[in-house]
Amino acid sequence: MTILDGKKIAQDLMEELRVKVERSSKKPKLAIIRVGADGATDSFLKIKKQTGEKIGIEVRIFAFADDITTNNLRKRIADIVNENKNTAVIIQLPLPGHINTQYILNSVTPDKDADMLSARALGNFITGKSLIFPPVAGAVKKILDKYNIEYRSKNILIVGAGRLVGRGVFLWLSKEDVGFSVVTKNTADLSSYVRNADILISGAGHPHLITGDMIKEGAVVIDAGLSELNGKTVGDVDFESASSKASYITPIPGGVGPLVVAMLFNNVVILQEQEK
């Protein structure tokens, strides 16, 4: 069994980005929109700010009260997007329940949408007009490529169809004309689908949804689902039991997560280069 070290891949990518930014005459700037206060959100923002500092990218956080209306938030974001000094703008999810999330995500124009969550950015991606990747899909592809794991002829299963993980991954695989299946945590007889998967990519956000007895012998397991269990951050996959069956597996922490953040900043640098 080989552990897929996303943290090491992320560190290598961040060093490449640092050199690019250092040589650039104009330094990229990332604006992050956050609404309300949440401890988990604070942790994610801290990681992004620290990563930006290591690369040389300024990260600015624009905070709004959790009772802001959808329309007012959209207007404020439009002003931030239109600031020339902001290379990229992302919306920190989740947003409060009363906010129309997709309407807000669509307020970021594709030329600044480093997270690729707006409808136009995803449309550009699926039609081959985008030079950047949805960060999670980019992280998964980079892991597979780095470890020379053949995936185009394999039985691929995506668990979870959410906008942060599943949607980007299945759009990428669709774009490459690769066969795959998508299920959710509520799919009846989930184990039968998992058991047939040569490559399992999970982003359901449900702690230990998938156990070792469900996994095919020799499968590649990429766990992009994060949640809390007894005060600890865990994945969708029970690492301990799954590692005895898998040929390759990502750990948590140190698997997909660090690389997703690095891929986000890779997108910021690419968007900056496109401004020239």
Protein backbone atom coordinates (compact mmCIF):
# COMPACT_ATOMS: atom_id res chain seq x y z
CA MET A 1 0.00 0.00 0.00
CA THR A 2 1.31 3.42 -0.99
CA ILE A 3 0.22 6.61 0.76
CA LEU A 4 -0.55 9.37 -1.73
CA ASP A 5 1.35 12.32 -0.26
CA GLY A 6 -0.65 15.33 -1.37
CA LYS A 7 1.18 17.54 1.12
CA LYS A 8 4.53 16.91 -0.59
CA ILE A 9 3.04 17.54 -4.05
CA ALA A 10 1.52 20.76 -2.70
CA GLN A 11 4.87 21.91 -1.27
CA ASP A 12 6.58 21.35 -4.62
CA LEU A 13 3.86 23.26 -6.46
CA MET A 14 3.98 26.12 -3.96
CA GLU A 15 7.72 26.46 -4.50
CA GLU A 16 7.16 26.66 -8.27
CA LEU A 17 4.52 29.33 -7.71
CA ARG A 18 6.77 31.28 -5.31
CA VAL A 19 9.48 31.49 -7.99
CA LYS A 20 6.94 32.62 -10.61
CA VAL A 21 5.51 35.31 -8.34
CA GLU A 22 8.98 36.49 -7.33
CA ARG A 23 9.89 36.98 -10.99
CA SER A 24 6.62 38.74 -11.85
CA SER A 25 6.54 42.52 -12.09
CA LYS A 26 2.98 42.61 -10.72
CA LYS A 27 2.14 40.62 -7.61
CA PRO A 28 -1.18 38.73 -7.60
CA LYS A 29 -3.82 39.59 -5.01
CA LEU A 30 -6.59 37.27 -3.83
CA ALA A 31 -9.77 38.67 -2.30
CA ILE A 32 -11.81 36.32 -0.12
CA ILE A 33 -15.44 37.06 0.73
CA ARG A 34 -16.65 35.73 4.06
CA VAL A 35 -20.11 36.12 5.57
CA GLY A 36 -20.71 35.68 9.29
CA ALA A 37 -18.43 34.15 11.91
CA ASP A 38 -17.54 30.48 12.16
CA GLY A 39 -14.61 28.69 13.77
CA ALA A 40 -14.11 26.23 10.92
CA THR A 41 -14.17 29.08 8.41
CA ASP A 42 -11.53 30.94 10.42
CA SER A 43 -9.27 27.88 10.21
CA PHE A 44 -9.66 27.61 6.44
CA LEU A 45 -8.99 31.33 5.99
CA LYS A 46 -5.88 31.13 8.16
CA ILE A 47 -4.50 28.32 5.99
CA LYS A 48 -5.18 30.31 2.82
CA LYS A 49 -3.53 33.45 4.20
CA GLN A 50 -0.47 31.49 5.31
CA THR A 51 -0.21 29.76 1.94
CA GLY A 52 -0.51 33.08 0.14
CA GLU A 53 2.27 34.57 2.28
CA LYS A 54 4.60 31.67 1.49
CA ILE A 55 4.05 32.16 -2.24
CA GLY A 56 4.12 35.97 -2.19
CA ILE A 57 0.43 36.49 -2.92
CA GLU A 58 -1.45 39.05 -0.85
CA VAL A 59 -4.69 37.65 0.57
CA ARG A 60 -7.33 40.18 1.60
CA ILE A 61 -10.44 39.13 3.50
CA PHE A 62 -13.67 41.08 3.10
CA ALA A 63 -16.00 40.23 5.97
CA PHE A 64 -19.76 40.84 5.98
CA ALA A 65 -22.38 40.37 8.68
CA ASP A 66 -24.38 37.15 8.49
CA ASP A 67 -27.65 39.10 8.16
CA ILE A 68 -26.67 40.78 4.89
CA THR A 69 -29.19 40.23 2.10
CA THR A 70 -28.39 38.37 -1.09
CA ASN A 71 -28.80 41.50 -3.22
CA ASN A 72 -26.62 43.69 -0.99
CA LEU A 73 -23.94 41.03 -0.87
CA ARG A 74 -23.99 40.71 -4.64
CA LYS A 75 -23.54 44.47 -5.04
CA ARG A 76 -20.61 44.54 -2.63
CA ILE A 77 -18.95 41.61 -4.37
CA ALA A 78 -19.39 43.32 -7.76
CA ASP A 79 -17.39 46.29 -6.44
CA ILE A 80 -14.63 43.99 -5.20
CA VAL A 81 -14.52 42.05 -8.48
CA ASN A 82 -14.25 45.32 -10.41
CA GLU A 83 -11.22 46.46 -8.42
CA ASN A 84 -8.34 46.04 -10.85
CA LYS A 85 -5.87 45.28 -8.08
CA ASN A 86 -7.78 42.09 -7.18
CA THR A 87 -6.43 39.33 -9.42
CA ALA A 88 -8.97 36.81 -8.16
CA VAL A 89 -12.04 36.73 -5.92
CA ILE A 90 -13.44 33.71 -4.09
CA ILE A 91 -16.47 33.19 -1.89
CA GLN A 92 -15.78 31.27 1.31
CA LEU A 93 -18.47 28.61 1.69
CA PRO A 94 -20.84 27.82 3.25
CA LEU A 95 -22.96 30.96 3.14
CA PRO A 96 -25.87 31.55 5.55
CA GLY A 97 -29.04 29.69 4.67
CA HIS A 98 -30.97 32.79 3.58
CA ILE A 99 -28.38 33.62 0.91
CA ASN A 100 -28.88 32.38 -2.67
CA THR A 101 -25.48 30.71 -2.91
CA GLN A 102 -25.28 30.09 -6.66
CA TYR A 103 -26.48 33.63 -7.42
CA ILE A 104 -23.64 34.94 -5.27
CA LEU A 105 -21.07 32.60 -6.82
CA ASN A 106 -22.17 33.79 -10.26
CA SER A 107 -21.23 37.36 -9.29
CA VAL A 108 -17.54 36.50 -9.77
CA THR A 109 -16.55 36.88 -13.41
CA PRO A 110 -14.66 33.94 -15.01
CA ASP A 111 -11.46 35.99 -15.40
CA LYS A 112 -11.29 36.27 -11.58
CA ASP A 113 -13.00 33.04 -10.51
CA ALA A 114 -10.09 31.05 -9.07
CA ASP A 115 -12.45 28.61 -7.34
CA MET A 116 -14.36 28.02 -10.61
CA LEU A 117 -17.75 27.89 -8.90
CA SER A 118 -19.66 30.32 -11.11
CA ALA A 119 -21.83 28.92 -13.89
CA ARG A 120 -19.84 30.77 -16.56
CA ALA A 121 -16.48 29.54 -15.28
CA LEU A 122 -17.69 25.94 -15.24
CA GLY A 123 -19.17 26.39 -18.71
CA ASN A 124 -15.85 27.67 -20.00
CA PHE A 125 -14.10 24.71 -18.41
CA ILE A 126 -16.33 22.01 -19.87
CA THR A 127 -16.12 23.59 -23.35
CA GLY A 128 -12.32 23.83 -23.25
CA LYS A 129 -12.15 27.63 -22.96
CA SER A 130 -10.56 27.74 -19.51
CA LEU A 131 -6.86 27.56 -18.66
CA ILE A 132 -7.55 26.76 -15.02
CA PHE A 133 -9.00 23.75 -13.21
CA PRO A 134 -11.57 23.40 -10.44
CA PRO A 135 -9.16 23.09 -7.48
CA VAL A 136 -10.33 19.69 -6.21
CA ALA A 137 -10.42 18.18 -9.70
CA GLY A 138 -6.97 19.64 -10.34
CA ALA A 139 -5.70 18.13 -7.09
CA VAL A 140 -7.07 14.69 -7.95
CA LYS A 141 -5.57 14.81 -11.44
CA LYS A 142 -2.21 15.94 -10.11
CA ILE A 143 -2.12 13.08 -7.59
CA LEU A 144 -2.97 10.50 -10.25
CA ASP A 145 -0.41 11.92 -12.68
CA LYS A 146 2.32 12.26 -10.04
CA TYR A 147 2.01 8.60 -9.04
CA ASN A 148 1.56 7.42 -12.65
CA ILE A 149 -1.84 5.92 -11.88
CA GLU A 150 -3.72 5.03 -15.06
CA TYR A 151 -7.33 6.14 -14.74
CA ARG A 152 -8.74 6.44 -18.25
CA SER A 153 -9.46 2.72 -18.57
CA LYS A 154 -10.52 2.15 -14.97
CA ASN A 155 -13.87 1.89 -13.22
CA ILE A 156 -14.08 5.24 -11.41
CA LEU A 157 -16.63 6.00 -8.71
CA ILE A 158 -17.34 9.48 -7.34
CA VAL A 159 -19.12 9.53 -3.98
CA GLY A 160 -20.82 12.88 -3.47
CA ALA A 161 -22.11 15.32 -6.08
CA GLY A 162 -21.57 18.61 -4.23
CA ARG A 163 -20.24 21.78 -5.81
CA LEU A 164 -16.88 21.69 -4.00
CA VAL A 165 -15.78 18.14 -4.84
CA GLY A 166 -18.04 15.93 -6.94
CA ARG A 167 -19.21 18.49 -9.47
CA GLY A 168 -15.73 19.62 -10.50
CA VAL A 169 -14.40 16.07 -10.65
CA PHE A 170 -17.20 14.75 -12.82
CA LEU A 171 -16.97 17.75 -15.17
CA TRP A 172 -13.24 17.07 -15.56
CA LEU A 173 -13.78 13.36 -16.25
CA SER A 174 -16.61 14.18 -18.66
CA LYS A 175 -14.33 16.61 -20.48
CA GLU A 176 -11.72 13.86 -20.86
CA ASP A 177 -14.38 11.39 -22.03
CA VAL A 178 -13.53 9.03 -19.15
CA GLY A 179 -16.16 6.59 -17.91
CA PHE A 180 -17.31 7.01 -14.32
CA SER A 181 -20.28 6.68 -11.99
CA VAL A 182 -21.62 9.10 -9.36
CA VAL A 183 -23.41 8.13 -6.16
CA THR A 184 -24.24 9.95 -2.93
CA LYS A 185 -24.11 9.02 0.73
CA ASN A 186 -27.84 8.23 0.48
CA THR A 187 -27.55 5.85 -2.46
CA ALA A 188 -29.19 2.51 -1.72
CA ASP A 189 -26.65 -0.31 -1.33
CA LEU A 190 -23.73 2.09 -1.54
CA SER A 191 -21.30 -0.71 -0.70
CA SER A 192 -22.04 -2.58 -3.93
CA TYR A 193 -20.96 0.45 -5.97
CA VAL A 194 -17.84 1.02 -3.88
CA ARG A 195 -16.85 -2.64 -4.11
CA ASN A 196 -16.67 -2.44 -7.92
CA ALA A 197 -14.56 0.72 -8.07
CA ASP A 198 -10.96 0.56 -9.25
CA ILE A 199 -10.60 4.23 -8.32
CA LEU A 200 -12.70 5.73 -5.55
CA ILE A 201 -12.96 9.52 -5.21
CA SER A 202 -15.04 10.55 -2.23
CA GLY A 203 -16.28 14.00 -1.22
CA ALA A 204 -19.52 13.30 0.63
CA GLY A 205 -18.44 14.97 3.87
CA HIS A 206 -19.72 12.09 6.01
CA PRO A 207 -17.30 10.67 8.61
CA HIS A 208 -16.17 7.10 7.89
CA LEU A 209 -18.95 6.52 5.40
CA ILE A 210 -16.73 4.01 3.62
CA THR A 211 -15.01 1.19 5.48
CA GLY A 212 -12.38 -1.32 4.42
CA ASP A 213 -14.82 -4.18 3.91
CA MET A 214 -16.54 -2.10 1.18
CA ILE A 215 -13.38 -1.48 -0.84
CA LYS A 216 -12.14 -3.56 -3.73
CA GLU A 217 -8.76 -5.24 -3.21
CA GLY A 218 -6.09 -3.07 -4.81
CA ALA A 219 -8.33 -0.02 -5.32
CA VAL A 220 -7.02 3.54 -5.47
CA VAL A 221 -8.72 5.58 -2.75
CA ILE A 222 -8.76 9.40 -2.88
CA ASP A 223 -10.58 10.90 0.08
CA ALA A 224 -11.59 14.55 -0.35
CA GLY A 225 -14.36 14.53 2.26
CA LEU A 226 -13.67 16.37 5.52
CA SER A 227 -15.80 16.36 8.65
CA GLU A 228 -15.52 16.28 12.42
CA LEU A 229 -15.78 13.14 14.53
CA ASN A 230 -15.17 13.22 18.28
CA GLY A 231 -13.25 16.47 17.93
CA LYS A 232 -10.99 15.17 15.16
CA THR A 233 -10.91 15.93 11.46
CA VAL A 234 -11.63 12.74 9.54
CA GLY A 235 -12.49 11.73 6.01
CA ASP A 236 -15.28 9.83 4.31
CA VAL A 237 -13.05 6.77 4.34
CA ASP A 238 -12.02 4.89 7.46
CA PHE A 239 -8.29 5.07 6.74
CA GLU A 240 -7.24 2.32 9.12
CA SER A 241 -9.48 -0.39 7.70
CA ALA A 242 -9.29 0.83 4.10
CA SER A 243 -5.49 0.94 3.99
CA SER A 244 -5.32 -2.84 4.30
CA LYS A 245 -7.24 -3.20 1.02
CA ALA A 246 -6.14 -0.23 -1.07
CA SER A 247 -3.08 -0.14 -3.30
CA TYR A 248 -2.93 3.65 -3.01
CA ILE A 249 -4.70 5.86 -0.47
CA THR A 250 -4.71 9.50 0.64
CA PRO A 251 -4.39 10.22 4.35
CA ILE A 252 -6.23 12.86 6.37
CA PRO A 253 -4.60 15.19 7.11
CA GLY A 254 -1.91 15.53 4.44
CA GLY A 255 -3.76 14.08 1.47
CA VAL A 256 -6.02 16.04 -0.85
CA GLY A 257 -6.54 19.12 1.36
CA PRO A 258 -3.14 20.84 1.10
CA LEU A 259 -3.05 20.24 -2.63
CA VAL A 260 -6.51 21.78 -3.15
CA VAL A 261 -5.27 24.99 -1.52
CA ALA A 262 -2.12 24.93 -3.66
CA MET A 263 -4.22 24.40 -6.81
CA LEU A 264 -6.35 27.42 -5.86
CA PHE A 265 -3.24 29.60 -5.74
CA ASN A 266 -2.02 28.02 -8.97
CA ASN A 267 -5.23 29.31 -10.53
CA VAL A 268 -4.59 32.78 -9.09
CA VAL A 269 -1.13 32.87 -10.68
CA ILE A 270 -2.49 31.70 -14.04
CA LEU A 271 -5.21 34.36 -13.95
CA GLN A 272 -2.54 36.97 -13.18
CA GLU A 273 -0.51 35.80 -16.17
CA GLN A 274 -3.57 36.13 -18.39
CA GLU A 275 -3.84 39.83 -17.52
CA LYS A 276 -0.58 40.54 -19.35
